[in-house]
Amino acid sequence: MALDLAAPESMWQPAPDGSTPLLKRALAAVASGRRADAAFDLILAGFLDHVRGLAASAGRV
């Protein structure tokens, strides 16, 4: 997550001649200014799923 916070908001720019339409779509799909929040939410959800799996395998759920 620290690397995400330090990275520039946009590391790549679509080519002005329109030759990178997929990159343009991918950049448009990213919620501006929420990268750190999205990264935290993703990591937290994965951690909670992991803990639930451990609890289930130990018979605690």
PDB file of N, CA and C in Angstrom:
ATOM      1  N   MET A   1       0.820  -1.182   0.000  1.00  0.00           N
ATOM      2  CA  MET A   1       0.000   0.000   0.000  1.00  0.00           C
ATOM      3  C   MET A   1       0.870   1.253   0.000  1.00  0.00           C
ATOM      4  N   ALA A   2       2.013   1.232   0.654  1.00  0.00           N
ATOM      5  CA  ALA A   2       2.887   2.400   0.679  1.00  0.00           C
ATOM      6  C   ALA A   2       3.340   2.762  -0.727  1.00  0.00           C
ATOM      7  N   LEU A   3       3.622   1.764  -1.539  1.00  0.00           N
ATOM      8  CA  LEU A   3       4.032   2.057  -2.917  1.00  0.00           C
ATOM      9  C   LEU A   3       2.900   2.698  -3.696  1.00  0.00           C
ATOM     10  N   ASP A   4       1.677   2.264  -3.444  1.00  0.00           N
ATOM     11  CA  ASP A   4       0.539   2.842  -4.128  1.00  0.00           C
ATOM     12  C   ASP A   4       0.397   4.324  -3.778  1.00  0.00           C
ATOM     13  N   LEU A   5       0.626   4.654  -2.520  1.00  0.00           N
ATOM     14  CA  LEU A   5       0.505   6.048  -2.093  1.00  0.00           C
ATOM     15  C   LEU A   5       1.598   6.927  -2.694  1.00  0.00           C
ATOM     16  N   ALA A   6       2.768   6.354  -2.922  1.00  0.00           N
ATOM     17  CA  ALA A   6       3.887   7.134  -3.438  1.00  0.00           C
ATOM     18  C   ALA A   6       3.906   7.219  -4.962  1.00  0.00           C
ATOM     19  N   ALA A   7       3.182   6.351  -5.614  1.00  0.00           N
ATOM     20  CA  ALA A   7       3.195   6.307  -7.080  1.00  0.00           C
ATOM     21  C   ALA A   7       2.452   7.507  -7.665  1.00  0.00           C
ATOM     22  N   PRO A   8       2.852   7.928  -8.841  1.00  0.00           N
ATOM     23  CA  PRO A   8       2.106   9.005  -9.499  1.00  0.00           C
ATOM     24  C   PRO A   8       0.688   8.535  -9.804  1.00  0.00           C
ATOM     25  N   GLU A   9      -0.233   9.453  -9.857  1.00  0.00           N
ATOM     26  CA  GLU A   9      -1.638   9.110 -10.085  1.00  0.00           C
ATOM     27  C   GLU A   9      -1.814   8.337 -11.388  1.00  0.00           C
ATOM     28  N   SER A  10      -1.162   8.763 -12.423  1.00  0.00           N
ATOM     29  CA  SER A  10      -1.250   8.057 -13.700  1.00  0.00           C
ATOM     30  C   SER A  10       0.159   7.796 -14.218  1.00  0.00           C
ATOM     31  N   MET A  11       0.526   6.526 -14.285  1.00  0.00           N
ATOM     32  CA  MET A  11       1.883   6.196 -14.710  1.00  0.00           C
ATOM     33  C   MET A  11       2.017   6.145 -16.230  1.00  0.00           C
ATOM     34  N   TRP A  12       0.926   5.910 -16.921  1.00  0.00           N
ATOM     35  CA  TRP A  12       0.943   5.817 -18.370  1.00  0.00           C
ATOM     36  C   TRP A  12      -0.113   6.746 -18.930  1.00  0.00           C
ATOM     37  N   GLN A  13       0.154   7.240 -20.108  1.00  0.00           N
ATOM     38  CA  GLN A  13      -0.787   8.108 -20.804  1.00  0.00           C
ATOM     39  C   GLN A  13      -1.159   7.467 -22.134  1.00  0.00           C
ATOM     40  N   PRO A  14      -2.438   7.505 -22.511  1.00  0.00           N
ATOM     41  CA  PRO A  14      -2.823   6.976 -23.822  1.00  0.00           C
ATOM     42  C   PRO A  14      -2.128   7.758 -24.942  1.00  0.00           C
ATOM     43  N   ALA A  15      -1.833   7.055 -26.011  1.00  0.00           N
ATOM     44  CA  ALA A  15      -1.200   7.721 -27.156  1.00  0.00           C
ATOM     45  C   ALA A  15      -2.174   8.732 -27.759  1.00  0.00           C
ATOM     46  N   PRO A  16      -1.685   9.905 -28.115  1.00  0.00           N
ATOM     47  CA  PRO A  16      -2.572  10.922 -28.672  1.00  0.00           C
ATOM     48  C   PRO A  16      -3.196  10.516 -30.010  1.00  0.00           C
ATOM     49  N   ASP A  17      -2.573   9.562 -30.710  1.00  0.00           N
ATOM     50  CA  ASP A  17      -3.120   9.155 -32.008  1.00  0.00           C
ATOM     51  C   ASP A  17      -4.240   8.108 -31.874  1.00  0.00           C
ATOM     52  N   GLY A  18      -4.586   7.740 -30.633  1.00  0.00           N
ATOM     53  CA  GLY A  18      -5.681   6.788 -30.426  1.00  0.00           C
ATOM     54  C   GLY A  18      -5.291   5.337 -30.605  1.00  0.00           C
ATOM     55  N   SER A  19      -3.995   5.040 -30.634  1.00  0.00           N
ATOM     56  CA  SER A  19      -3.549   3.669 -30.890  1.00  0.00           C
ATOM     57  C   SER A  19      -3.557   2.790 -29.627  1.00  0.00           C
ATOM     58  N   THR A  20      -3.987   3.349 -28.502  1.00  0.00           N
ATOM     59  CA  THR A  20      -4.029   2.567 -27.257  1.00  0.00           C
ATOM     60  C   THR A  20      -5.423   2.653 -26.622  1.00  0.00           C
ATOM     61  N   PRO A  21      -6.446   2.147 -27.318  1.00  0.00           N
ATOM     62  CA  PRO A  21      -7.807   2.287 -26.791  1.00  0.00           C
ATOM     63  C   PRO A  21      -8.043   1.511 -25.495  1.00  0.00           C
ATOM     64  N   LEU A  22      -7.402   0.361 -25.329  1.00  0.00           N
ATOM     65  CA  LEU A  22      -7.600  -0.400 -24.089  1.00  0.00           C
ATOM     66  C   LEU A  22      -7.003   0.334 -22.889  1.00  0.00           C
ATOM     67  N   LEU A  23      -5.847   0.935 -23.078  1.00  0.00           N
ATOM     68  CA  LEU A  23      -5.242   1.718 -22.005  1.00  0.00           C
ATOM     69  C   LEU A  23      -6.137   2.895 -21.653  1.00  0.00           C
ATOM     70  N   LYS A  24      -6.680   3.540 -22.641  1.00  0.00           N
ATOM     71  CA  LYS A  24      -7.571   4.671 -22.408  1.00  0.00           C
ATOM     72  C   LYS A  24      -8.794   4.229 -21.608  1.00  0.00           C
ATOM     73  N   ARG A  25      -9.369   3.080 -21.939  1.00  0.00           N
ATOM     74  CA  ARG A  25     -10.530   2.567 -21.206  1.00  0.00           C
ATOM     75  C   ARG A  25     -10.158   2.182 -19.776  1.00  0.00           C
ATOM     76  N   ALA A  26      -8.993   1.569 -19.607  1.00  0.00           N
ATOM     77  CA  ALA A  26      -8.565   1.157 -18.268  1.00  0.00           C
ATOM     78  C   ALA A  26      -8.351   2.375 -17.367  1.00  0.00           C
ATOM     79  N   LEU A  27      -7.712   3.399 -17.891  1.00  0.00           N
ATOM     80  CA  LEU A  27      -7.489   4.605 -17.098  1.00  0.00           C
ATOM     81  C   LEU A  27      -8.798   5.302 -16.762  1.00  0.00           C
ATOM     82  N   ALA A  28      -9.751   5.269 -17.671  1.00  0.00           N
ATOM     83  CA  ALA A  28     -11.052   5.895 -17.418  1.00  0.00           C
ATOM     84  C   ALA A  28     -11.839   5.133 -16.356  1.00  0.00           C
ATOM     85  N   ALA A  29     -11.585   3.836 -16.233  1.00  0.00           N
ATOM     86  CA  ALA A  29     -12.330   3.014 -15.273  1.00  0.00           C
ATOM     87  C   ALA A  29     -11.836   3.181 -13.843  1.00  0.00           C
ATOM     88  N   VAL A  30     -10.656   3.727 -13.657  1.00  0.00           N
ATOM     89  CA  VAL A  30     -10.087   3.911 -12.318  1.00  0.00           C
ATOM     90  C   VAL A  30     -10.738   5.131 -11.674  1.00  0.00           C
ATOM     91  N   ALA A  31     -11.266   4.944 -10.491  1.00  0.00           N
ATOM     92  CA  ALA A  31     -11.860   6.066  -9.769  1.00  0.00           C
ATOM     93  C   ALA A  31     -10.760   7.035  -9.355  1.00  0.00           C
ATOM     94  N   SER A  32     -10.828   8.232  -9.813  1.00  0.00           N
ATOM     95  CA  SER A  32      -9.788   9.227  -9.546  1.00  0.00           C
ATOM     96  C   SER A  32      -9.690   9.529  -8.058  1.00  0.00           C
ATOM     97  N   GLY A  33      -8.458   9.466  -7.531  1.00  0.00           N
ATOM     98  CA  GLY A  33      -8.218   9.826  -6.155  1.00  0.00           C
ATOM     99  C   GLY A  33      -8.566   8.764  -5.122  1.00  0.00           C
ATOM    100  N   ARG A  34      -9.035   7.612  -5.527  1.00  0.00           N
ATOM    101  CA  ARG A  34      -9.434   6.578  -4.574  1.00  0.00           C
ATOM    102  C   ARG A  34      -8.540   5.352  -4.637  1.00  0.00           C
ATOM    103  N   ARG A  35      -7.392   5.450  -5.252  1.00  0.00           N
ATOM    104  CA  ARG A  35      -6.530   4.276  -5.393  1.00  0.00           C
ATOM    105  C   ARG A  35      -6.117   3.699  -4.062  1.00  0.00           C
ATOM    106  N   ALA A  36      -5.703   4.544  -3.131  1.00  0.00           N
ATOM    107  CA  ALA A  36      -5.267   4.046  -1.829  1.00  0.00           C
ATOM    108  C   ALA A  36      -6.425   3.400  -1.081  1.00  0.00           C
ATOM    109  N   ASP A  37      -7.604   4.022  -1.150  1.00  0.00           N
ATOM    110  CA  ASP A  37      -8.785   3.449  -0.494  1.00  0.00           C
ATOM    111  C   ASP A  37      -9.148   2.102  -1.103  1.00  0.00           C
ATOM    112  N   ALA A  38      -9.108   2.023  -2.420  1.00  0.00           N
ATOM    113  CA  ALA A  38      -9.445   0.765  -3.095  1.00  0.00           C
ATOM    114  C   ALA A  38      -8.428  -0.320  -2.756  1.00  0.00           C
ATOM    115  N   ALA A  39      -7.160   0.039  -2.688  1.00  0.00           N
ATOM    116  CA  ALA A  39      -6.123  -0.942  -2.336  1.00  0.00           C
ATOM    117  C   ALA A  39      -6.323  -1.436  -0.911  1.00  0.00           C
ATOM    118  N   PHE A  40      -6.630  -0.535   0.004  1.00  0.00           N
ATOM    119  CA  PHE A  40      -6.867  -0.931   1.391  1.00  0.00           C
ATOM    120  C   PHE A  40      -8.084  -1.847   1.491  1.00  0.00           C
ATOM    121  N   ASP A  41      -9.174  -1.475   0.828  1.00  0.00           N
ATOM    122  CA  ASP A  41     -10.393  -2.295   0.854  1.00  0.00           C
ATOM    123  C   ASP A  41     -10.132  -3.692   0.306  1.00  0.00           C
ATOM    124  N   LEU A  42      -9.372  -3.784  -0.768  1.00  0.00           N
ATOM    125  CA  LEU A  42      -9.059  -5.078  -1.366  1.00  0.00           C
ATOM    126  C   LEU A  42      -8.227  -5.941  -0.413  1.00  0.00           C
ATOM    127  N   ILE A  43      -7.207  -5.347   0.188  1.00  0.00           N
ATOM    128  CA  ILE A  43      -6.348  -6.089   1.110  1.00  0.00           C
ATOM    129  C   ILE A  43      -7.125  -6.519   2.347  1.00  0.00           C
ATOM    130  N   LEU A  44      -7.954  -5.636   2.879  1.00  0.00           N
ATOM    131  CA  LEU A  44      -8.751  -5.972   4.053  1.00  0.00           C
ATOM    132  C   LEU A  44      -9.726  -7.106   3.753  1.00  0.00           C
ATOM    133  N   ALA A  45     -10.393  -7.045   2.609  1.00  0.00           N
ATOM    134  CA  ALA A  45     -11.329  -8.108   2.240  1.00  0.00           C
ATOM    135  C   ALA A  45     -10.609  -9.449   2.089  1.00  0.00           C
ATOM    136  N   GLY A  46      -9.444  -9.446   1.481  1.00  0.00           N
ATOM    137  CA  GLY A  46      -8.674 -10.678   1.329  1.00  0.00           C
ATOM    138  C   GLY A  46      -8.223 -11.231   2.673  1.00  0.00           C
ATOM    139  N   PHE A  47      -7.801 -10.353   3.567  1.00  0.00           N
ATOM    140  CA  PHE A  47      -7.378 -10.787   4.894  1.00  0.00           C
ATOM    141  C   PHE A  47      -8.549 -11.391   5.668  1.00  0.00           C
ATOM    142  N   LEU A  48      -9.696 -10.721   5.626  1.00  0.00           N
ATOM    143  CA  LEU A  48     -10.865 -11.239   6.337  1.00  0.00           C
ATOM    144  C   LEU A  48     -11.318 -12.584   5.777  1.00  0.00           C
ATOM    145  N   ASP A  49     -11.282 -12.745   4.462  1.00  0.00           N
ATOM    146  CA  ASP A  49     -11.610 -14.053   3.861  1.00  0.00           C
ATOM    147  C   ASP A  49     -10.640 -15.128   4.340  1.00  0.00           C
ATOM    148  N   HIS A  50      -9.374 -14.783   4.418  1.00  0.00           N
ATOM    149  CA  HIS A  50      -8.360 -15.730   4.883  1.00  0.00           C
ATOM    150  C   HIS A  50      -8.628 -16.142   6.336  1.00  0.00           C
ATOM    151  N   VAL A  51      -8.905 -15.166   7.194  1.00  0.00           N
ATOM    152  CA  VAL A  51      -9.171 -15.456   8.602  1.00  0.00           C
ATOM    153  C   VAL A  51     -10.433 -16.303   8.744  1.00  0.00           C
ATOM    154  N   ARG A  52     -11.456 -16.004   7.964  1.00  0.00           N
ATOM    155  CA  ARG A  52     -12.681 -16.818   8.015  1.00  0.00           C
ATOM    156  C   ARG A  52     -12.396 -18.252   7.589  1.00  0.00           C
ATOM    157  N   GLY A  53     -11.562 -18.424   6.586  1.00  0.00           N
ATOM    158  CA  GLY A  53     -11.182 -19.766   6.142  1.00  0.00           C
ATOM    159  C   GLY A  53     -10.436 -20.522   7.217  1.00  0.00           C
ATOM    160  N   LEU A  54      -9.509 -19.839   7.889  1.00  0.00           N
ATOM    161  CA  LEU A  54      -8.774 -20.471   8.984  1.00  0.00           C
ATOM    162  C   LEU A  54      -9.720 -20.869  10.120  1.00  0.00           C
ATOM    163  N   ALA A  55     -10.649 -19.986  10.457  1.00  0.00           N
ATOM    164  CA  ALA A  55     -11.594 -20.272  11.529  1.00  0.00           C
ATOM    165  C   ALA A  55     -12.496 -21.442  11.154  1.00  0.00           C
ATOM    166  N   ALA A  56     -12.927 -21.494   9.904  1.00  0.00           N
ATOM    167  CA  ALA A  56     -13.794 -22.576   9.446  1.00  0.00           C
ATOM    168  C   ALA A  56     -13.044 -23.911   9.469  1.00  0.00           C
ATOM    169  N   SER A  57     -11.786 -23.899   9.063  1.00  0.00           N
ATOM    170  CA  SER A  57     -11.020 -25.141   9.047  1.00  0.00           C
ATOM    171  C   SER A  57     -10.677 -25.628  10.462  1.00  0.00           C
ATOM    172  N   ALA A  58     -10.678 -24.705  11.411  1.00  0.00           N
ATOM    173  CA  ALA A  58     -10.427 -25.072  12.804  1.00  0.00           C
ATOM    174  C   ALA A  58     -11.715 -25.428  13.526  1.00  0.00           C
ATOM    175  N   GLY A  59     -12.849 -25.321  12.826  1.00  0.00           N
ATOM    176  CA  GLY A  59     -14.140 -25.670  13.411  1.00  0.00           C
ATOM    177  C   GLY A  59     -14.667 -24.626  14.363  1.00  0.00           C
ATOM    178  N   ARG A  60     -14.277 -23.384  14.189  1.00  0.00           N
ATOM    179  CA  ARG A  60     -14.709 -22.311  15.087  1.00  0.00           C
ATOM    180  C   ARG A  60     -15.837 -21.465  14.522  1.00  0.00           C
ATOM    181  N   VAL A  61     -16.365 -21.861  13.410  1.00  0.00           N
ATOM    182  CA  VAL A  61     -17.461 -21.078  12.817  1.00  0.00           C
ATOM    183  C   VAL A  61     -18.700 -21.909  12.793  1.00  0.00           C
TER     184      VAL A  61
END
